[in-house]
Amino acid sequence: MSEKGTEKEETLTPTSALYYDPFAARAQRDREKSVLCEVLWPAKESCIVIAAMRNPLTVALRISHVKVLYEGVRCHVTPVSVTLPPGDTTAYIRLNILPTSPGILRITGISYQVHNACYR
C-alpha cells in the first residue's frame, strides 16, 4: 500500500508481473509506434485508404469484404475482395471511403473475412 498522492497506484495490466500476454504487449508497442496525422478530406468526395497485408502461407489466400472501419461522420465504404499471393510479399489494397457529411472522421482499422470468419 502507498500513501495517497506520493506514488502511483499499481493496476493490473496485460503485461504486469502477475500476467504476461506477449501479443498484448506487441499490440501496445505497435499502437505507440503508429503515426497519427491529420488530413483534410472534402465531404462527398471519394478518398482512398491503402492497407498493407501479407500472407505468410505457402498458398494464395482469398480475402473478401475488406473495408475501412471508422468513427465519426457518416461514410459510405465499398468492400473489396482480393487474393493475397503466397509468401512474405506485401500486398497493397486500395479501399474507398466516401464521407457524406462534414465533421471529424477517424479511421480505426480494417475489417475482412477469410473463409467466412470475420476479423477486425
N, C-alpha and C. Protein backbone atom coordinates (compact mmCIF):
# COMPACT_ATOMS: atom_id res chain seq x y z
N MET A 1 0.83 -1.18 0.00
CA MET A 1 0.00 0.00 0.00
C MET A 1 0.87 1.24 0.00
N SER A 2 0.42 2.26 -0.62
CA SER A 2 1.16 3.51 -0.66
C SER A 2 0.26 4.64 -0.18
N GLU A 3 0.89 5.70 0.29
CA GLU A 3 0.13 6.86 0.73
C GLU A 3 -0.45 7.57 -0.47
N LYS A 4 -1.59 8.15 -0.29
CA LYS A 4 -2.26 8.85 -1.38
C LYS A 4 -1.44 10.05 -1.83
N GLY A 5 -1.21 10.18 -3.13
CA GLY A 5 -0.50 11.32 -3.67
C GLY A 5 1.01 11.17 -3.73
N THR A 6 1.59 10.17 -3.05
CA THR A 6 3.05 10.04 -3.07
C THR A 6 3.52 9.11 -4.16
N GLU A 7 2.77 8.09 -4.47
CA GLU A 7 3.14 7.14 -5.52
C GLU A 7 1.91 6.80 -6.34
N LYS A 8 2.16 6.34 -7.56
CA LYS A 8 1.05 5.88 -8.40
C LYS A 8 0.56 4.55 -7.86
N GLU A 9 -0.74 4.35 -7.90
CA GLU A 9 -1.29 3.07 -7.53
C GLU A 9 -1.09 2.10 -8.67
N GLU A 10 -0.60 0.92 -8.38
CA GLU A 10 -0.32 -0.06 -9.43
C GLU A 10 -1.61 -0.77 -9.83
N THR A 11 -1.84 -0.89 -11.13
CA THR A 11 -3.02 -1.59 -11.63
C THR A 11 -2.58 -2.80 -12.43
N LEU A 12 -3.44 -3.77 -12.51
CA LEU A 12 -3.15 -4.99 -13.26
C LEU A 12 -3.33 -4.72 -14.74
N THR A 13 -2.29 -4.95 -15.52
CA THR A 13 -2.34 -4.77 -16.97
C THR A 13 -1.97 -6.09 -17.62
N PRO A 14 -2.22 -6.25 -18.93
CA PRO A 14 -1.87 -7.50 -19.61
C PRO A 14 -0.37 -7.81 -19.56
N THR A 15 0.44 -6.82 -19.26
CA THR A 15 1.88 -7.06 -19.22
C THR A 15 2.46 -6.89 -17.82
N SER A 16 1.63 -7.03 -16.79
CA SER A 16 2.13 -6.88 -15.42
C SER A 16 2.86 -8.15 -14.99
N ALA A 17 3.41 -8.11 -13.80
CA ALA A 17 4.21 -9.23 -13.30
C ALA A 17 3.35 -10.48 -13.06
N LEU A 18 2.07 -10.29 -12.78
CA LEU A 18 1.21 -11.44 -12.48
C LEU A 18 0.72 -12.15 -13.73
N TYR A 19 0.64 -11.43 -14.81
CA TYR A 19 0.10 -11.99 -16.05
C TYR A 19 0.80 -11.33 -17.22
N TYR A 20 1.32 -12.13 -18.13
CA TYR A 20 2.02 -11.58 -19.29
C TYR A 20 1.44 -12.16 -20.56
N ASP A 21 1.01 -11.29 -21.44
CA ASP A 21 0.49 -11.69 -22.74
C ASP A 21 1.38 -11.05 -23.80
N PRO A 22 2.26 -11.82 -24.47
CA PRO A 22 3.17 -11.22 -25.44
C PRO A 22 2.45 -10.56 -26.61
N PHE A 23 1.27 -11.07 -26.95
CA PHE A 23 0.52 -10.48 -28.06
C PHE A 23 -0.02 -9.11 -27.66
N ALA A 24 -0.50 -8.97 -26.43
CA ALA A 24 -0.98 -7.68 -25.96
C ALA A 24 0.16 -6.68 -25.87
N ALA A 25 1.32 -7.15 -25.41
CA ALA A 25 2.48 -6.27 -25.31
C ALA A 25 2.91 -5.80 -26.70
N ARG A 26 2.90 -6.70 -27.66
CA ARG A 26 3.28 -6.34 -29.03
C ARG A 26 2.29 -5.34 -29.63
N ALA A 27 1.00 -5.59 -29.40
CA ALA A 27 -0.04 -4.68 -29.91
C ALA A 27 0.11 -3.29 -29.29
N GLN A 28 0.44 -3.24 -27.99
CA GLN A 28 0.64 -1.96 -27.33
C GLN A 28 1.83 -1.22 -27.93
N ARG A 29 2.93 -1.92 -28.19
CA ARG A 29 4.11 -1.30 -28.81
C ARG A 29 3.76 -0.77 -30.20
N ASP A 30 2.99 -1.55 -30.96
CA ASP A 30 2.59 -1.12 -32.30
C ASP A 30 1.73 0.14 -32.24
N ARG A 31 0.81 0.20 -31.27
CA ARG A 31 -0.03 1.39 -31.12
C ARG A 31 0.81 2.61 -30.77
N GLU A 32 1.82 2.42 -29.92
CA GLU A 32 2.67 3.53 -29.52
C GLU A 32 3.52 4.03 -30.70
N LYS A 33 3.88 3.12 -31.60
CA LYS A 33 4.71 3.49 -32.74
C LYS A 33 3.90 4.09 -33.88
N SER A 34 2.58 3.88 -33.88
CA SER A 34 1.77 4.35 -35.01
C SER A 34 1.83 5.87 -35.10
N VAL A 35 1.76 6.33 -36.32
CA VAL A 35 1.84 7.76 -36.58
C VAL A 35 0.45 8.28 -36.88
N LEU A 36 0.05 9.29 -36.12
CA LEU A 36 -1.24 9.92 -36.37
C LEU A 36 -1.01 11.16 -37.21
N CYS A 37 -1.86 11.36 -38.18
CA CYS A 37 -1.73 12.56 -39.00
C CYS A 37 -3.12 13.07 -39.31
N GLU A 38 -3.19 14.35 -39.54
CA GLU A 38 -4.46 14.97 -39.91
C GLU A 38 -4.47 15.21 -41.40
N VAL A 39 -5.57 14.81 -42.02
CA VAL A 39 -5.74 15.02 -43.45
C VAL A 39 -7.08 15.70 -43.65
N LEU A 40 -7.11 16.68 -44.50
CA LEU A 40 -8.35 17.37 -44.81
C LEU A 40 -8.99 16.70 -46.02
N TRP A 41 -10.14 16.02 -45.78
CA TRP A 41 -10.88 15.36 -46.84
C TRP A 41 -12.17 16.12 -47.08
N PRO A 42 -12.47 16.44 -48.31
CA PRO A 42 -13.75 17.12 -48.56
C PRO A 42 -14.92 16.14 -48.44
N ALA A 43 -16.03 16.63 -47.87
CA ALA A 43 -17.23 15.80 -47.78
C ALA A 43 -17.76 15.52 -49.18
N LYS A 44 -18.35 14.38 -49.35
CA LYS A 44 -18.95 13.94 -50.61
C LYS A 44 -17.94 13.78 -51.75
N GLU A 45 -16.68 13.55 -51.37
CA GLU A 45 -15.62 13.23 -52.35
C GLU A 45 -15.00 11.91 -51.95
N SER A 46 -14.92 10.98 -52.88
CA SER A 46 -14.34 9.66 -52.61
C SER A 46 -12.84 9.79 -52.32
N CYS A 47 -12.40 9.11 -51.28
CA CYS A 47 -10.99 9.10 -50.89
C CYS A 47 -10.50 7.66 -50.86
N ILE A 48 -9.20 7.49 -50.94
CA ILE A 48 -8.61 6.15 -50.96
C ILE A 48 -7.70 5.97 -49.76
N VAL A 49 -7.88 4.84 -49.08
CA VAL A 49 -7.00 4.43 -47.99
C VAL A 49 -6.27 3.19 -48.48
N ILE A 50 -4.97 3.15 -48.28
CA ILE A 50 -4.19 1.99 -48.73
C ILE A 50 -3.82 1.15 -47.51
N ALA A 51 -4.18 -0.12 -47.55
CA ALA A 51 -3.87 -1.06 -46.47
C ALA A 51 -2.81 -2.04 -46.96
N ALA A 52 -1.84 -2.33 -46.13
CA ALA A 52 -0.78 -3.30 -46.46
C ALA A 52 -1.09 -4.61 -45.75
N MET A 53 -1.08 -5.71 -46.50
CA MET A 53 -1.36 -7.03 -45.93
C MET A 53 -0.34 -8.03 -46.46
N ARG A 54 -0.08 -9.05 -45.64
CA ARG A 54 0.83 -10.14 -46.04
C ARG A 54 0.17 -11.49 -45.81
N ASN A 55 0.58 -12.45 -46.60
CA ASN A 55 0.10 -13.82 -46.48
C ASN A 55 1.31 -14.71 -46.20
N PRO A 56 1.52 -15.15 -44.96
CA PRO A 56 2.69 -15.98 -44.65
C PRO A 56 2.55 -17.43 -45.08
N LEU A 57 1.39 -17.81 -45.61
CA LEU A 57 1.16 -19.19 -46.03
C LEU A 57 1.89 -19.49 -47.33
N THR A 58 1.95 -20.76 -47.69
CA THR A 58 2.60 -21.17 -48.94
C THR A 58 1.61 -21.28 -50.10
N VAL A 59 0.35 -20.94 -49.84
CA VAL A 59 -0.68 -20.95 -50.88
C VAL A 59 -1.35 -19.58 -50.93
N ALA A 60 -1.93 -19.26 -52.05
CA ALA A 60 -2.65 -17.99 -52.18
C ALA A 60 -3.86 -18.00 -51.24
N LEU A 61 -4.22 -16.83 -50.74
CA LEU A 61 -5.30 -16.72 -49.76
C LEU A 61 -6.33 -15.70 -50.25
N ARG A 62 -7.58 -16.15 -50.38
CA ARG A 62 -8.67 -15.27 -50.82
C ARG A 62 -9.25 -14.55 -49.61
N ILE A 63 -9.26 -13.23 -49.65
CA ILE A 63 -9.81 -12.41 -48.57
C ILE A 63 -10.97 -11.61 -49.16
N SER A 64 -12.11 -11.65 -48.49
CA SER A 64 -13.28 -10.95 -49.01
C SER A 64 -13.77 -9.90 -48.01
N HIS A 65 -14.63 -9.04 -48.49
CA HIS A 65 -15.25 -7.98 -47.68
C HIS A 65 -14.24 -7.14 -46.91
N VAL A 66 -13.14 -6.76 -47.56
CA VAL A 66 -12.15 -5.89 -46.93
C VAL A 66 -12.71 -4.48 -46.98
N LYS A 67 -12.81 -3.83 -45.81
CA LYS A 67 -13.35 -2.47 -45.77
C LYS A 67 -12.76 -1.69 -44.61
N VAL A 68 -12.85 -0.38 -44.71
CA VAL A 68 -12.33 0.53 -43.70
C VAL A 68 -13.29 0.59 -42.51
N LEU A 69 -12.73 0.56 -41.30
CA LEU A 69 -13.50 0.81 -40.08
C LEU A 69 -13.25 2.25 -39.66
N TYR A 70 -14.27 2.94 -39.20
CA TYR A 70 -14.13 4.35 -38.90
C TYR A 70 -15.05 4.76 -37.75
N GLU A 71 -14.79 5.95 -37.22
CA GLU A 71 -15.64 6.59 -36.22
C GLU A 71 -15.89 8.01 -36.68
N GLY A 72 -16.97 8.59 -36.24
CA GLY A 72 -17.24 9.99 -36.56
C GLY A 72 -18.35 10.15 -37.56
N VAL A 73 -18.11 10.97 -38.57
CA VAL A 73 -19.14 11.32 -39.54
C VAL A 73 -19.63 10.09 -40.30
N ARG A 74 -20.79 10.22 -40.89
CA ARG A 74 -21.32 9.13 -41.72
C ARG A 74 -20.49 8.99 -42.99
N CYS A 75 -20.27 7.76 -43.38
CA CYS A 75 -19.48 7.47 -44.58
C CYS A 75 -20.07 6.30 -45.31
N HIS A 76 -19.74 6.23 -46.57
CA HIS A 76 -20.06 5.06 -47.38
C HIS A 76 -18.74 4.37 -47.70
N VAL A 77 -18.62 3.10 -47.30
CA VAL A 77 -17.40 2.34 -47.60
C VAL A 77 -17.74 1.25 -48.61
N THR A 78 -16.81 0.98 -49.49
CA THR A 78 -17.01 -0.03 -50.52
C THR A 78 -16.12 -1.22 -50.22
N PRO A 79 -16.70 -2.37 -49.83
CA PRO A 79 -15.87 -3.55 -49.58
C PRO A 79 -15.27 -4.09 -50.87
N VAL A 80 -14.07 -4.65 -50.77
CA VAL A 80 -13.41 -5.26 -51.92
C VAL A 80 -12.96 -6.67 -51.54
N SER A 81 -12.68 -7.47 -52.54
CA SER A 81 -12.13 -8.81 -52.34
C SER A 81 -10.79 -8.89 -53.06
N VAL A 82 -9.84 -9.57 -52.44
CA VAL A 82 -8.50 -9.69 -53.02
C VAL A 82 -7.98 -11.10 -52.79
N THR A 83 -7.01 -11.48 -53.61
CA THR A 83 -6.28 -12.72 -53.39
C THR A 83 -4.84 -12.35 -53.08
N LEU A 84 -4.40 -12.71 -51.87
CA LEU A 84 -3.03 -12.41 -51.46
C LEU A 84 -2.10 -13.51 -51.97
N PRO A 85 -1.00 -13.13 -52.59
CA PRO A 85 -0.06 -14.15 -53.08
C PRO A 85 0.65 -14.83 -51.91
N PRO A 86 1.10 -16.05 -52.11
CA PRO A 86 1.81 -16.74 -51.02
C PRO A 86 3.17 -16.10 -50.75
N GLY A 87 3.67 -16.32 -49.55
CA GLY A 87 4.99 -15.80 -49.20
C GLY A 87 4.89 -14.52 -48.40
N ASP A 88 6.03 -13.92 -48.20
CA ASP A 88 6.11 -12.74 -47.34
C ASP A 88 6.00 -11.43 -48.11
N THR A 89 5.48 -11.48 -49.33
CA THR A 89 5.34 -10.27 -50.14
C THR A 89 4.19 -9.42 -49.60
N THR A 90 4.41 -8.12 -49.50
CA THR A 90 3.36 -7.22 -49.03
C THR A 90 2.47 -6.83 -50.20
N ALA A 91 1.16 -6.98 -49.99
CA ALA A 91 0.17 -6.57 -50.99
C ALA A 91 -0.46 -5.28 -50.50
N TYR A 92 -0.60 -4.30 -51.39
CA TYR A 92 -1.21 -3.02 -51.04
C TYR A 92 -2.61 -2.99 -51.63
N ILE A 93 -3.60 -2.78 -50.77
CA ILE A 93 -5.00 -2.84 -51.17
C ILE A 93 -5.60 -1.44 -51.08
N ARG A 94 -6.25 -1.02 -52.16
CA ARG A 94 -6.89 0.30 -52.21
C ARG A 94 -8.33 0.17 -51.73
N LEU A 95 -8.66 0.93 -50.67
CA LEU A 95 -10.00 0.90 -50.10
C LEU A 95 -10.64 2.28 -50.25
N ASN A 96 -11.86 2.31 -50.75
CA ASN A 96 -12.57 3.58 -50.95
C ASN A 96 -13.44 3.91 -49.75
N ILE A 97 -13.45 5.19 -49.40
CA ILE A 97 -14.32 5.70 -48.35
C ILE A 97 -14.86 7.04 -48.81
N LEU A 98 -16.15 7.25 -48.59
CA LEU A 98 -16.82 8.47 -49.04
C LEU A 98 -17.52 9.12 -47.85
N PRO A 99 -16.89 10.16 -47.26
CA PRO A 99 -17.57 10.89 -46.18
C PRO A 99 -18.79 11.61 -46.75
N THR A 100 -19.96 11.42 -46.13
CA THR A 100 -21.18 12.01 -46.67
C THR A 100 -21.58 13.31 -45.99
N SER A 101 -20.87 13.68 -44.92
CA SER A 101 -21.16 14.95 -44.26
C SER A 101 -19.87 15.52 -43.67
N PRO A 102 -19.82 16.82 -43.43
CA PRO A 102 -18.62 17.41 -42.85
C PRO A 102 -18.50 17.05 -41.37
N GLY A 103 -17.30 17.04 -40.87
CA GLY A 103 -17.04 16.73 -39.47
C GLY A 103 -15.73 16.00 -39.32
N ILE A 104 -15.53 15.37 -38.16
CA ILE A 104 -14.29 14.66 -37.88
C ILE A 104 -14.47 13.18 -38.20
N LEU A 105 -13.54 12.65 -38.95
CA LEU A 105 -13.53 11.24 -39.33
C LEU A 105 -12.24 10.63 -38.82
N ARG A 106 -12.35 9.53 -38.08
CA ARG A 106 -11.18 8.83 -37.55
C ARG A 106 -11.20 7.40 -38.07
N ILE A 107 -10.15 7.03 -38.80
CA ILE A 107 -10.04 5.66 -39.31
C ILE A 107 -9.42 4.81 -38.20
N THR A 108 -10.13 3.75 -37.82
CA THR A 108 -9.68 2.91 -36.70
C THR A 108 -9.06 1.60 -37.14
N GLY A 109 -9.23 1.20 -38.40
CA GLY A 109 -8.65 -0.06 -38.86
C GLY A 109 -9.35 -0.57 -40.09
N ILE A 110 -9.21 -1.88 -40.31
CA ILE A 110 -9.91 -2.52 -41.41
C ILE A 110 -10.59 -3.78 -40.91
N SER A 111 -11.57 -4.23 -41.65
CA SER A 111 -12.29 -5.47 -41.37
C SER A 111 -12.21 -6.33 -42.63
N TYR A 112 -12.12 -7.66 -42.46
CA TYR A 112 -12.07 -8.55 -43.61
C TYR A 112 -12.54 -9.94 -43.22
N GLN A 113 -12.85 -10.75 -44.22
CA GLN A 113 -13.29 -12.12 -44.00
C GLN A 113 -12.36 -13.09 -44.70
N VAL A 114 -12.05 -14.18 -44.01
CA VAL A 114 -11.27 -15.28 -44.59
C VAL A 114 -12.07 -16.56 -44.29
N HIS A 115 -12.50 -17.25 -45.33
CA HIS A 115 -13.29 -18.49 -45.18
C HIS A 115 -14.46 -18.29 -44.24
N ASN A 116 -15.23 -17.23 -44.44
CA ASN A 116 -16.45 -16.91 -43.69
C ASN A 116 -16.21 -16.55 -42.22
N ALA A 117 -14.98 -16.29 -41.81
CA ALA A 117 -14.70 -15.80 -40.47
C ALA A 117 -14.31 -14.32 -40.60
N CYS A 118 -14.94 -13.47 -39.78
CA CYS A 118 -14.72 -12.03 -39.86
C CYS A 118 -13.64 -11.60 -38.87
N TYR A 119 -12.70 -10.77 -39.32
CA TYR A 119 -11.61 -10.26 -38.48
C TYR A 119 -11.63 -8.75 -38.49
N ARG A 120 -11.29 -8.15 -37.37
CA ARG A 120 -11.22 -6.69 -37.24
C ARG A 120 -9.92 -6.31 -36.61
